[in-house]
Amino acid sequence: LGVMSVGFLLSSPDDAVIWRGPKKNGLIKQFLRDVDWG
């Protein structure tokens, strides 16, 4: 059971992610393209 989340990329759980749409979309694409799920 493997997990991926933007929460792992934040320095603190209380950090706010203040992003516009294109940056969110870019991260979703990166999760699908760059995560080695096997």
Full PDB file with SEQRES, HELIX, SHEET, SSBOND, CRYST1, ORIGX, SCALE, CONECT and MASTER records, all heavy atoms in Angstrom:
SEQRES   1 A   38  LEU GLY VAL MET SER VAL GLY PHE LEU LEU SER SER PRO          
SEQRES   2 A   38  ASP ASP ALA VAL ILE TRP ARG GLY PRO LYS LYS ASN GLY          
SEQRES   3 A   38  LEU ILE LYS GLN PHE LEU ARG ASP VAL ASP TRP GLY              
HELIX    1 AA1 VAL A    6  LEU A    9  5                                   4    
HELIX    2 AA2 GLY A   21  ASP A   34  1                                  14    
CRYST1    1.000    1.000    1.000  90.00  90.00  90.00 P 1           1          
ORIGX1      1.000000  0.000000  0.000000        0.00000                         
ORIGX2      0.000000  1.000000  0.000000        0.00000                         
ORIGX3      0.000000  0.000000  1.000000        0.00000                         
SCALE1      1.000000  0.000000  0.000000        0.00000                         
SCALE2      0.000000  1.000000  0.000000        0.00000                         
SCALE3      0.000000  0.000000  1.000000        0.00000                         
ATOM      1  N   LEU A   1       0.839  -1.205   0.000  1.00  0.00           N  
ATOM      2  CA  LEU A   1       0.000   0.000   0.000  1.00  0.00           C  
ATOM      3  C   LEU A   1       0.869   1.249   0.000  1.00  0.00           C  
ATOM      4  O   LEU A   1       1.472   1.610   1.013  1.00  0.00           O  
ATOM      5  CB  LEU A   1      -0.940  -0.018   1.222  1.00  0.00           C  
ATOM      6  CG  LEU A   1      -1.829   1.211   1.456  1.00  0.00           C  
ATOM      7  CD1 LEU A   1      -2.625   1.579   0.216  1.00  0.00           C  
ATOM      8  CD2 LEU A   1      -2.772   0.978   2.635  1.00  0.00           C  
ATOM      9  N   GLY A   2       0.957   1.891  -1.173  1.00  0.00           N  
ATOM     10  CA  GLY A   2       1.768   3.100  -1.334  1.00  0.00           C  
ATOM     11  C   GLY A   2       0.892   4.340  -1.445  1.00  0.00           C  
ATOM     12  O   GLY A   2      -0.238   4.276  -1.951  1.00  0.00           O  
ATOM     13  N   VAL A   3       1.408   5.478  -0.978  1.00  0.00           N  
ATOM     14  CA  VAL A   3       0.628   6.727  -0.938  1.00  0.00           C  
ATOM     15  C   VAL A   3       1.454   7.873  -1.520  1.00  0.00           C  
ATOM     16  O   VAL A   3       2.658   7.953  -1.304  1.00  0.00           O  
ATOM     17  CB  VAL A   3       0.233   7.072   0.530  1.00  0.00           C  
ATOM     18  CG1 VAL A   3      -0.576   8.358   0.594  1.00  0.00           C  
ATOM     19  CG2 VAL A   3      -0.537   5.924   1.173  1.00  0.00           C  
ATOM     20  N   MET A   4       0.759   8.777  -2.257  1.00  0.00           N  
ATOM     21  CA  MET A   4       1.406  10.007  -2.723  1.00  0.00           C  
ATOM     22  C   MET A   4       0.452  11.175  -2.482  1.00  0.00           C  
ATOM     23  O   MET A   4      -0.752  11.072  -2.754  1.00  0.00           O  
ATOM     24  CB  MET A   4       1.743   9.905  -4.212  1.00  0.00           C  
ATOM     25  CG  MET A   4       2.438  11.122  -4.761  1.00  0.00           C  
ATOM     26  SD  MET A   4       3.923  11.627  -3.863  1.00  0.00           S  
ATOM     27  CE  MET A   4       5.058  10.342  -4.335  1.00  0.00           C  
ATOM     28  N   SER A   5       1.002  12.275  -1.953  1.00  0.00           N  
ATOM     29  CA  SER A   5       0.187  13.449  -1.633  1.00  0.00           C  
ATOM     30  C   SER A   5       1.065  14.695  -1.653  1.00  0.00           C  
ATOM     31  O   SER A   5       2.265  14.619  -1.367  1.00  0.00           O  
ATOM     32  CB  SER A   5      -0.429  13.284  -0.239  1.00  0.00           C  
ATOM     33  OG  SER A   5      -0.983  14.502   0.216  1.00  0.00           O  
ATOM     34  N   VAL A   6       0.457  15.848  -1.956  1.00  0.00           N  
ATOM     35  CA  VAL A   6       1.201  17.108  -1.878  1.00  0.00           C  
ATOM     36  C   VAL A   6       1.626  17.365  -0.433  1.00  0.00           C  
ATOM     37  O   VAL A   6       2.599  18.084  -0.175  1.00  0.00           O  
ATOM     38  CB  VAL A   6       0.361  18.286  -2.439  1.00  0.00           C  
ATOM     39  CG1 VAL A   6      -0.793  18.643  -1.512  1.00  0.00           C  
ATOM     40  CG2 VAL A   6       1.214  19.517  -2.684  1.00  0.00           C  
ATOM     41  N   GLY A   7       0.918  16.735   0.527  1.00  0.00           N  
ATOM     42  CA  GLY A   7       1.271  16.895   1.945  1.00  0.00           C  
ATOM     43  C   GLY A   7       2.696  16.479   2.241  1.00  0.00           C  
ATOM     44  O   GLY A   7       3.330  17.002   3.168  1.00  0.00           O  
ATOM     45  N   PHE A   8       3.249  15.546   1.442  1.00  0.00           N  
ATOM     46  CA  PHE A   8       4.634  15.091   1.645  1.00  0.00           C  
ATOM     47  C   PHE A   8       5.651  16.107   1.133  1.00  0.00           C  
ATOM     48  O   PHE A   8       6.840  15.990   1.390  1.00  0.00           O  
ATOM     49  CB  PHE A   8       4.881  13.755   0.930  1.00  0.00           C  
ATOM     50  CG  PHE A   8       4.001  12.628   1.396  1.00  0.00           C  
ATOM     51  CD1 PHE A   8       3.474  11.716   0.494  1.00  0.00           C  
ATOM     52  CD2 PHE A   8       3.690  12.475   2.743  1.00  0.00           C  
ATOM     53  CE1 PHE A   8       2.661  10.675   0.916  1.00  0.00           C  
ATOM     54  CE2 PHE A   8       2.883  11.439   3.186  1.00  0.00           C  
ATOM     55  CZ  PHE A   8       2.368  10.540   2.264  1.00  0.00           C  
ATOM     56  N   LEU A   9       5.164  17.106   0.367  1.00  0.00           N  
ATOM     57  CA  LEU A   9       6.077  18.099  -0.221  1.00  0.00           C  
ATOM     58  C   LEU A   9       6.109  19.393   0.586  1.00  0.00           C  
ATOM     59  O   LEU A   9       6.855  20.304   0.266  1.00  0.00           O  
ATOM     60  CB  LEU A   9       5.649  18.415  -1.670  1.00  0.00           C  
ATOM     61  CG  LEU A   9       5.473  17.206  -2.605  1.00  0.00           C  
ATOM     62  CD1 LEU A   9       4.939  17.655  -3.959  1.00  0.00           C  
ATOM     63  CD2 LEU A   9       6.790  16.462  -2.789  1.00  0.00           C  
ATOM     64  N   LEU A  10       5.281  19.464   1.643  1.00  0.00           N  
ATOM     65  CA  LEU A  10       5.217  20.691   2.444  1.00  0.00           C  
ATOM     66  C   LEU A  10       6.158  20.589   3.639  1.00  0.00           C  
ATOM     67  O   LEU A  10       6.346  19.513   4.195  1.00  0.00           O  
ATOM     68  CB  LEU A  10       3.786  20.923   2.954  1.00  0.00           C  
ATOM     69  CG  LEU A  10       2.677  20.972   1.897  1.00  0.00           C  
ATOM     70  CD1 LEU A  10       1.305  21.105   2.563  1.00  0.00           C  
ATOM     71  CD2 LEU A  10       2.905  22.134   0.937  1.00  0.00           C  
ATOM     72  N   SER A  11       6.724  21.727   4.040  1.00  0.00           N  
ATOM     73  CA  SER A  11       7.660  21.703   5.173  1.00  0.00           C  
ATOM     74  C   SER A  11       6.914  21.545   6.497  1.00  0.00           C  
ATOM     75  O   SER A  11       7.472  21.088   7.488  1.00  0.00           O  
ATOM     76  CB  SER A  11       8.515  22.979   5.193  1.00  0.00           C  
ATOM     77  OG  SER A  11       7.676  24.112   5.173  1.00  0.00           O  
ATOM     78  N   SER A  12       5.605  21.930   6.523  1.00  0.00           N  
ATOM     79  CA  SER A  12       4.799  21.783   7.740  1.00  0.00           C  
ATOM     80  C   SER A  12       3.366  21.453   7.334  1.00  0.00           C  
ATOM     81  O   SER A  12       2.883  21.966   6.324  1.00  0.00           O  
ATOM     82  CB  SER A  12       4.825  23.092   8.535  1.00  0.00           C  
ATOM     83  OG  SER A  12       3.656  23.211   9.330  1.00  0.00           O  
ATOM     84  N   PRO A  13       2.653  20.629   8.136  1.00  0.00           N  
ATOM     85  CA  PRO A  13       1.247  20.321   7.812  1.00  0.00           C  
ATOM     86  C   PRO A  13       0.363  21.561   7.812  1.00  0.00           C  
ATOM     87  O   PRO A  13      -0.727  21.554   7.248  1.00  0.00           O  
ATOM     88  CB  PRO A  13       0.813  19.372   8.931  1.00  0.00           C  
ATOM     89  CG  PRO A  13       2.041  18.929   9.624  1.00  0.00           C  
ATOM     90  CD  PRO A  13       3.098  19.952   9.367  1.00  0.00           C  
ATOM     91  N   ASP A  14       0.827  22.656   8.459  1.00  0.00           N  
ATOM     92  CA  ASP A  14       0.021  23.877   8.526  1.00  0.00           C  
ATOM     93  C   ASP A  14       0.281  24.825   7.357  1.00  0.00           C  
ATOM     94  O   ASP A  14      -0.351  25.886   7.261  1.00  0.00           O  
ATOM     95  CB  ASP A  14       0.297  24.619   9.843  1.00  0.00           C  
ATOM     96  CG  ASP A  14      -0.109  23.791  11.055  1.00  0.00           C  
ATOM     97  OD1 ASP A  14      -1.003  22.930  10.905  1.00  0.00           O  
ATOM     98  OD2 ASP A  14       0.482  23.980  12.136  1.00  0.00           O  
ATOM     99  N   ASP A  15       1.225  24.475   6.477  1.00  0.00           N  
ATOM    100  CA  ASP A  15       1.519  25.328   5.317  1.00  0.00           C  
ATOM    101  C   ASP A  15       0.307  25.396   4.392  1.00  0.00           C  
ATOM    102  O   ASP A  15      -0.304  24.367   4.089  1.00  0.00           O  
ATOM    103  CB  ASP A  15       2.708  24.773   4.514  1.00  0.00           C  
ATOM    104  CG  ASP A  15       4.040  25.126   5.149  1.00  0.00           C  
ATOM    105  OD1 ASP A  15       4.016  25.815   6.187  1.00  0.00           O  
ATOM    106  OD2 ASP A  15       5.093  24.712   4.625  1.00  0.00           O  
ATOM    107  N   ALA A  16      -0.020  26.625   3.933  1.00  0.00           N  
ATOM    108  CA  ALA A  16      -1.126  26.781   2.973  1.00  0.00           C  
ATOM    109  C   ALA A  16      -0.570  26.676   1.556  1.00  0.00           C  
ATOM    110  O   ALA A  16       0.487  27.240   1.249  1.00  0.00           O  
ATOM    111  CB  ALA A  16      -1.787  28.141   3.174  1.00  0.00           C  
ATOM    112  N   VAL A  17      -1.278  25.944   0.703  1.00  0.00           N  
ATOM    113  CA  VAL A  17      -0.895  25.858  -0.716  1.00  0.00           C  
ATOM    114  C   VAL A  17      -1.729  26.895  -1.459  1.00  0.00           C  
ATOM    115  O   VAL A  17      -2.935  26.730  -1.630  1.00  0.00           O  
ATOM    116  CB  VAL A  17      -1.160  24.438  -1.268  1.00  0.00           C  
ATOM    117  CG1 VAL A  17      -0.793  24.364  -2.737  1.00  0.00           C  
ATOM    118  CG2 VAL A  17      -0.376  23.403  -0.471  1.00  0.00           C  
ATOM    119  N   ILE A  18      -1.081  27.994  -1.864  1.00  0.00           N  
ATOM    120  CA  ILE A  18      -1.808  29.114  -2.493  1.00  0.00           C  
ATOM    121  C   ILE A  18      -1.399  29.136  -3.973  1.00  0.00           C  
ATOM    122  O   ILE A  18      -0.485  29.854  -4.375  1.00  0.00           O  
ATOM    123  CB  ILE A  18      -1.486  30.449  -1.772  1.00  0.00           C  
ATOM    124  CG1 ILE A  18      -1.721  30.291  -0.257  1.00  0.00           C  
ATOM    125  CG2 ILE A  18      -2.339  31.574  -2.331  1.00  0.00           C  
ATOM    126  CD1 ILE A  18      -1.196  31.429   0.585  1.00  0.00           C  
ATOM    127  N   TRP A  19      -2.065  28.299  -4.746  1.00  0.00           N  
ATOM    128  CA  TRP A  19      -1.704  28.112  -6.159  1.00  0.00           C  
ATOM    129  C   TRP A  19      -2.896  28.384  -7.060  1.00  0.00           C  
ATOM    130  O   TRP A  19      -4.026  28.082  -6.714  1.00  0.00           O  
ATOM    131  CB  TRP A  19      -1.268  26.663  -6.406  1.00  0.00           C  
ATOM    132  CG  TRP A  19       0.023  26.271  -5.802  1.00  0.00           C  
ATOM    133  CD1 TRP A  19       0.892  27.061  -5.111  1.00  0.00           C  
ATOM    134  CD2 TRP A  19       0.604  24.958  -5.827  1.00  0.00           C  
ATOM    135  NE1 TRP A  19       1.968  26.330  -4.695  1.00  0.00           N  
ATOM    136  CE2 TRP A  19       1.825  25.037  -5.118  1.00  0.00           C  
ATOM    137  CE3 TRP A  19       0.217  23.743  -6.358  1.00  0.00           C  
ATOM    138  CZ2 TRP A  19       2.650  23.939  -4.952  1.00  0.00           C  
ATOM    139  CZ3 TRP A  19       1.033  22.641  -6.196  1.00  0.00           C  
ATOM    140  CH2 TRP A  19       2.245  22.740  -5.504  1.00  0.00           C  
ATOM    141  N   ARG A  20      -2.591  28.902  -8.260  1.00  0.00           N  
ATOM    142  CA  ARG A  20      -3.618  29.009  -9.294  1.00  0.00           C  
ATOM    143  C   ARG A  20      -3.736  27.668 -10.019  1.00  0.00           C  
ATOM    144  O   ARG A  20      -2.901  26.792  -9.874  1.00  0.00           O  
ATOM    145  CB  ARG A  20      -3.247  30.117 -10.289  1.00  0.00           C  
ATOM    146  CG  ARG A  20      -3.305  31.510  -9.685  1.00  0.00           C  
ATOM    147  CD  ARG A  20      -3.171  32.569 -10.770  1.00  0.00           C  
ATOM    148  NE  ARG A  20      -3.070  33.902 -10.206  1.00  0.00           N  
ATOM    149  CZ  ARG A  20      -4.109  34.638  -9.854  1.00  0.00           C  
ATOM    150  NH1 ARG A  20      -5.332  34.173 -10.009  1.00  0.00           N  
ATOM    151  NH2 ARG A  20      -3.939  35.851  -9.366  1.00  0.00           N  
ATOM    152  N   GLY A  21      -4.793  27.582 -10.841  1.00  0.00           N  
ATOM    153  CA  GLY A  21      -5.108  26.348 -11.553  1.00  0.00           C  
ATOM    154  C   GLY A  21      -3.948  25.690 -12.295  1.00  0.00           C  
ATOM    155  O   GLY A  21      -3.684  24.500 -12.095  1.00  0.00           O  
ATOM    156  N   PRO A  22      -3.222  26.426 -13.151  1.00  0.00           N  
ATOM    157  CA  PRO A  22      -2.164  25.781 -13.957  1.00  0.00           C  
ATOM    158  C   PRO A  22      -1.111  25.067 -13.110  1.00  0.00           C  
ATOM    159  O   PRO A  22      -0.618  24.007 -13.489  1.00  0.00           O  
ATOM    160  CB  PRO A  22      -1.551  26.946 -14.741  1.00  0.00           C  
ATOM    161  CG  PRO A  22      -2.655  27.959 -14.830  1.00  0.00           C  
ATOM    162  CD  PRO A  22      -3.418  27.835 -13.543  1.00  0.00           C  
ATOM    163  N   LYS A  23      -0.783  25.649 -11.940  1.00  0.00           N  
ATOM    164  CA  LYS A  23       0.237  25.013 -11.102  1.00  0.00           C  
ATOM    165  C   LYS A  23      -0.307  23.721 -10.478  1.00  0.00           C  
ATOM    166  O   LYS A  23       0.404  22.719 -10.370  1.00  0.00           O  
ATOM    167  CB  LYS A  23       0.709  25.979 -10.015  1.00  0.00           C  
ATOM    168  CG  LYS A  23       2.013  25.526  -9.368  1.00  0.00           C  
ATOM    169  CD  LYS A  23       2.673  26.598  -8.547  1.00  0.00           C  
ATOM    170  CE  LYS A  23       3.974  26.064  -7.947  1.00  0.00           C  
ATOM    171  NZ  LYS A  23       4.582  26.985  -6.986  1.00  0.00           N  
ATOM    172  N   LYS A  24      -1.590  23.743 -10.086  1.00  0.00           N  
ATOM    173  CA  LYS A  24      -2.224  22.527  -9.554  1.00  0.00           C  
ATOM    174  C   LYS A  24      -2.231  21.438 -10.629  1.00  0.00           C  
ATOM    175  O   LYS A  24      -1.886  20.283 -10.362  1.00  0.00           O  
ATOM    176  CB  LYS A  24      -3.671  22.817  -9.140  1.00  0.00           C  
ATOM    177  CG  LYS A  24      -3.841  23.692  -7.927  1.00  0.00           C  
ATOM    178  CD  LYS A  24      -5.342  23.821  -7.671  1.00  0.00           C  
ATOM    179  CE  LYS A  24      -5.657  24.795  -6.565  1.00  0.00           C  
ATOM    180  NZ  LYS A  24      -7.096  24.971  -6.394  1.00  0.00           N  
ATOM    181  N   ASN A  25      -2.643  21.828 -11.840  1.00  0.00           N  
ATOM    182  CA  ASN A  25      -2.711  20.858 -12.940  1.00  0.00           C  
ATOM    183  C   ASN A  25      -1.344  20.259 -13.233  1.00  0.00           C  
ATOM    184  O   ASN A  25      -1.217  19.066 -13.511  1.00  0.00           O  
ATOM    185  CB  ASN A  25      -3.253  21.523 -14.207  1.00  0.00           C  
ATOM    186  CG  ASN A  25      -4.653  22.068 -14.005  1.00  0.00           C  
ATOM    187  OD1 ASN A  25      -5.320  21.720 -13.035  1.00  0.00           O  
ATOM    188  ND2 ASN A  25      -5.092  22.924 -14.904  1.00  0.00           N  
ATOM    189  N   GLY A  26      -0.321  21.121 -13.150  1.00  0.00           N  
ATOM    190  CA  GLY A  26       1.059  20.657 -13.398  1.00  0.00           C  
ATOM    191  C   GLY A  26       1.487  19.607 -12.382  1.00  0.00           C  
ATOM    192  O   GLY A  26       2.136  18.612 -12.730  1.00  0.00           O  
ATOM    193  N   LEU A  27       1.076  19.809 -11.109  1.00  0.00           N  
ATOM    194  CA  LEU A  27       1.463  18.853 -10.066  1.00  0.00           C  
ATOM    195  C   LEU A  27       0.724  17.524 -10.260  1.00  0.00           C  
ATOM    196  O   LEU A  27       1.312  16.448 -10.085  1.00  0.00           O  
ATOM    197  CB  LEU A  27       1.188  19.406  -8.672  1.00  0.00           C  
ATOM    198  CG  LEU A  27       1.615  18.472  -7.529  1.00  0.00           C  
ATOM    199  CD1 LEU A  27       3.134  18.289  -7.510  1.00  0.00           C  
ATOM    200  CD2 LEU A  27       1.149  18.970  -6.173  1.00  0.00           C  
ATOM    201  N   ILE A  28      -0.558  17.593 -10.643  1.00  0.00           N  
ATOM    202  CA  ILE A  28      -1.322  16.359 -10.874  1.00  0.00           C  
ATOM    203  C   ILE A  28      -0.674  15.559 -11.999  1.00  0.00           C  
ATOM    204  O   ILE A  28      -0.496  14.338 -11.897  1.00  0.00           O  
ATOM    205  CB  ILE A  28      -2.803  16.690 -11.191  1.00  0.00           C  
ATOM    206  CG1 ILE A  28      -3.490  17.265  -9.938  1.00  0.00           C  
ATOM    207  CG2 ILE A  28      -3.552  15.452 -11.678  1.00  0.00           C  
ATOM    208  CD1 ILE A  28      -4.843  17.888 -10.197  1.00  0.00           C  
ATOM    209  N   LYS A  29      -0.297  16.261 -13.055  1.00  0.00           N  
ATOM    210  CA  LYS A  29       0.364  15.583 -14.185  1.00  0.00           C  
ATOM    211  C   LYS A  29       1.674  14.951 -13.726  1.00  0.00           C  
ATOM    212  O   LYS A  29       2.025  13.828 -14.094  1.00  0.00           O  
ATOM    213  CB  LYS A  29       0.627  16.588 -15.306  1.00  0.00           C  
ATOM    214  CG  LYS A  29       1.063  15.930 -16.617  1.00  0.00           C  
ATOM    215  CD  LYS A  29       1.575  16.943 -17.621  1.00  0.00           C  
ATOM    216  CE  LYS A  29       0.499  17.926 -18.021  1.00  0.00           C  
ATOM    217  NZ  LYS A  29       1.006  18.931 -18.991  1.00  0.00           N  
ATOM    218  N   GLN A  30       2.400  15.687 -12.881  1.00  0.00           N  
ATOM    219  CA  GLN A  30       3.686  15.185 -12.366  1.00  0.00           C  
ATOM    220  C   GLN A  30       3.483  13.928 -11.516  1.00  0.00           C  
ATOM    221  O   GLN A  30       4.252  12.975 -11.601  1.00  0.00           O  
ATOM    222  CB  GLN A  30       4.354  16.291 -11.544  1.00  0.00           C  
ATOM    223  CG  GLN A  30       5.865  16.138 -11.462  1.00  0.00           C  
ATOM    224  CD  GLN A  30       6.518  17.346 -10.804  1.00  0.00           C  
ATOM    225  OE1 GLN A  30       5.878  18.366 -10.559  1.00  0.00           O  
ATOM    226  NE2 GLN A  30       7.794  17.230 -10.510  1.00  0.00           N  
ATOM    227  N   PHE A  31       2.424  13.932 -10.685  1.00  0.00           N  
ATOM    228  CA  PHE A  31       2.114  12.752  -9.866  1.00  0.00           C  
ATOM    229  C   PHE A  31       1.873  11.525 -10.754  1.00  0.00           C  
ATOM    230  O   PHE A  31       2.298  10.424 -10.442  1.00  0.00           O  
ATOM    231  CB  PHE A  31       0.867  13.001  -9.012  1.00  0.00           C  
ATOM    232  CG  PHE A  31       1.129  13.764  -7.733  1.00  0.00           C  
ATOM    233  CD1 PHE A  31       0.096  14.442  -7.096  1.00  0.00           C  
ATOM    234  CD2 PHE A  31       2.385  13.785  -7.145  1.00  0.00           C  
ATOM    235  CE1 PHE A  31       0.311  15.133  -5.902  1.00  0.00           C  
ATOM    236  CE2 PHE A  31       2.611  14.470  -5.952  1.00  0.00           C  
ATOM    237  CZ  PHE A  31       1.572  15.148  -5.337  1.00  0.00           C  
ATOM    238  N   LEU A  32       1.153  11.730 -11.852  1.00  0.00           N  
ATOM    239  CA  LEU A  32       0.833  10.598 -12.733  1.00  0.00           C  
ATOM    240  C   LEU A  32       2.041  10.169 -13.553  1.00  0.00           C  
ATOM    241  O   LEU A  32       2.242   8.995 -13.819  1.00  0.00           O  
ATOM    242  CB  LEU A  32      -0.327  10.967 -13.668  1.00  0.00           C  
ATOM    243  CG  LEU A  32      -1.674  11.199 -12.989  1.00  0.00           C  
ATOM    244  CD1 LEU A  32      -2.696  11.703 -13.996  1.00  0.00           C  
ATOM    245  CD2 LEU A  32      -2.184   9.926 -12.315  1.00  0.00           C  
ATOM    246  N   ARG A  33       2.872  11.143 -13.944  1.00  0.00           N  
ATOM    247  CA  ARG A  33       3.978  10.859 -14.864  1.00  0.00           C  
ATOM    248  C   ARG A  33       5.254  10.435 -14.145  1.00  0.00           C  
ATOM    249  O   ARG A  33       6.021   9.614 -14.646  1.00  0.00           O  
ATOM    250  CB  ARG A  33       4.247  12.131 -15.690  1.00  0.00           C  
ATOM    251  CG  ARG A  33       5.194  11.957 -16.857  1.00  0.00           C  
ATOM    252  CD  ARG A  33       5.541  13.313 -17.430  1.00  0.00           C  
ATOM    253  NE  ARG A  33       6.182  14.156 -16.416  1.00  0.00           N  
ATOM    254  CZ  ARG A  33       6.113  15.488 -16.387  1.00  0.00           C  
ATOM    255  NH1 ARG A  33       5.420  16.137 -17.294  1.00  0.00           N  
ATOM    256  NH2 ARG A  33       6.734  16.178 -15.448  1.00  0.00           N  
ATOM    257  N   ASP A  34       5.483  11.012 -12.949  1.00  0.00           N  
ATOM    258  CA  ASP A  34       6.799  10.843 -12.315  1.00  0.00           C  
ATOM    259  C   ASP A  34       6.827   9.902 -11.114  1.00  0.00           C  
ATOM    260  O   ASP A  34       7.893   9.578 -10.607  1.00  0.00           O  
ATOM    261  CB  ASP A  34       7.346  12.209 -11.863  1.00  0.00           C  
ATOM    262  CG  ASP A  34       7.639  13.121 -13.046  1.00  0.00           C  
ATOM    263  OD1 ASP A  34       7.633  12.611 -14.185  1.00  0.00           O  
ATOM    264  OD2 ASP A  34       7.851  14.325 -12.843  1.00  0.00           O  
ATOM    265  N   VAL A  35       5.645   9.488 -10.619  1.00  0.00           N  
ATOM    266  CA  VAL A  35       5.648   8.587  -9.454  1.00  0.00           C  
ATOM    267  C   VAL A  35       5.824   7.150  -9.946  1.00  0.00           C  
ATOM    268  O   VAL A  35       5.111   6.699 -10.835  1.00  0.00           O  
ATOM    269  CB  VAL A  35       4.355   8.719  -8.618  1.00  0.00           C  
ATOM    270  CG1 VAL A  35       4.348   7.703  -7.484  1.00  0.00           C  
ATOM    271  CG2 VAL A  35       4.239  10.126  -8.048  1.00  0.00           C  
ATOM    272  N   ASP A  36       6.775   6.457  -9.351  1.00  0.00           N  
ATOM    273  CA  ASP A  36       7.060   5.071  -9.742  1.00  0.00           C  
ATOM    274  C   ASP A  36       6.208   4.126  -8.888  1.00  0.00           C  
ATOM    275  O   ASP A  36       6.644   3.634  -7.863  1.00  0.00           O  
ATOM    276  CB  ASP A  36       8.563   4.797  -9.544  1.00  0.00           C  
ATOM    277  CG  ASP A  36       8.927   3.374  -9.935  1.00  0.00           C  
ATOM    278  OD1 ASP A  36       8.150   2.762 -10.697  1.00  0.00           O  
ATOM    279  OD2 ASP A  36       9.967   2.875  -9.471  1.00  0.00           O  
ATOM    280  N   TRP A  37       4.965   3.884  -9.351  1.00  0.00           N  
ATOM    281  CA  TRP A  37       4.048   3.030  -8.589  1.00  0.00           C  
ATOM    282  C   TRP A  37       4.406   1.557  -8.750  1.00  0.00           C  
ATOM    283  O   TRP A  37       4.083   0.744  -7.901  1.00  0.00           O  
ATOM    284  CB  TRP A  37       2.612   3.221  -9.062  1.00  0.00           C  
ATOM    285  CG  TRP A  37       2.028   4.572  -8.831  1.00  0.00           C  
ATOM    286  CD1 TRP A  37       1.728   5.504  -9.776  1.00  0.00           C  
ATOM    287  CD2 TRP A  37       1.657   5.165  -7.573  1.00  0.00           C  
ATOM    288  NE1 TRP A  37       1.187   6.636  -9.185  1.00  0.00           N  
ATOM    289  CE2 TRP A  37       1.144   6.447  -7.843  1.00  0.00           C  
ATOM    290  CE3 TRP A  37       1.711   4.731  -6.247  1.00  0.00           C  
ATOM    291  CZ2 TRP A  37       0.672   7.299  -6.855  1.00  0.00           C  
ATOM    292  CZ3 TRP A  37       1.246   5.583  -5.261  1.00  0.00           C  
ATOM    293  CH2 TRP A  37       0.744   6.847  -5.552  1.00  0.00           C  
ATOM    294  N   GLY A  38       5.047   1.224  -9.869  1.00  0.00           N  
ATOM    295  CA  GLY A  38       5.309  -0.194 -10.159  1.00  0.00           C  
ATOM    296  C   GLY A  38       4.024  -0.881 -10.606  1.00  0.00           C  
ATOM    297  O   GLY A  38       3.089  -0.244 -11.085  1.00  0.00           O  
TER     298      GLY A  38                                                      
MASTER        0    0    0    2    0    0    0    6  297    1    0    3          
END                                                                             
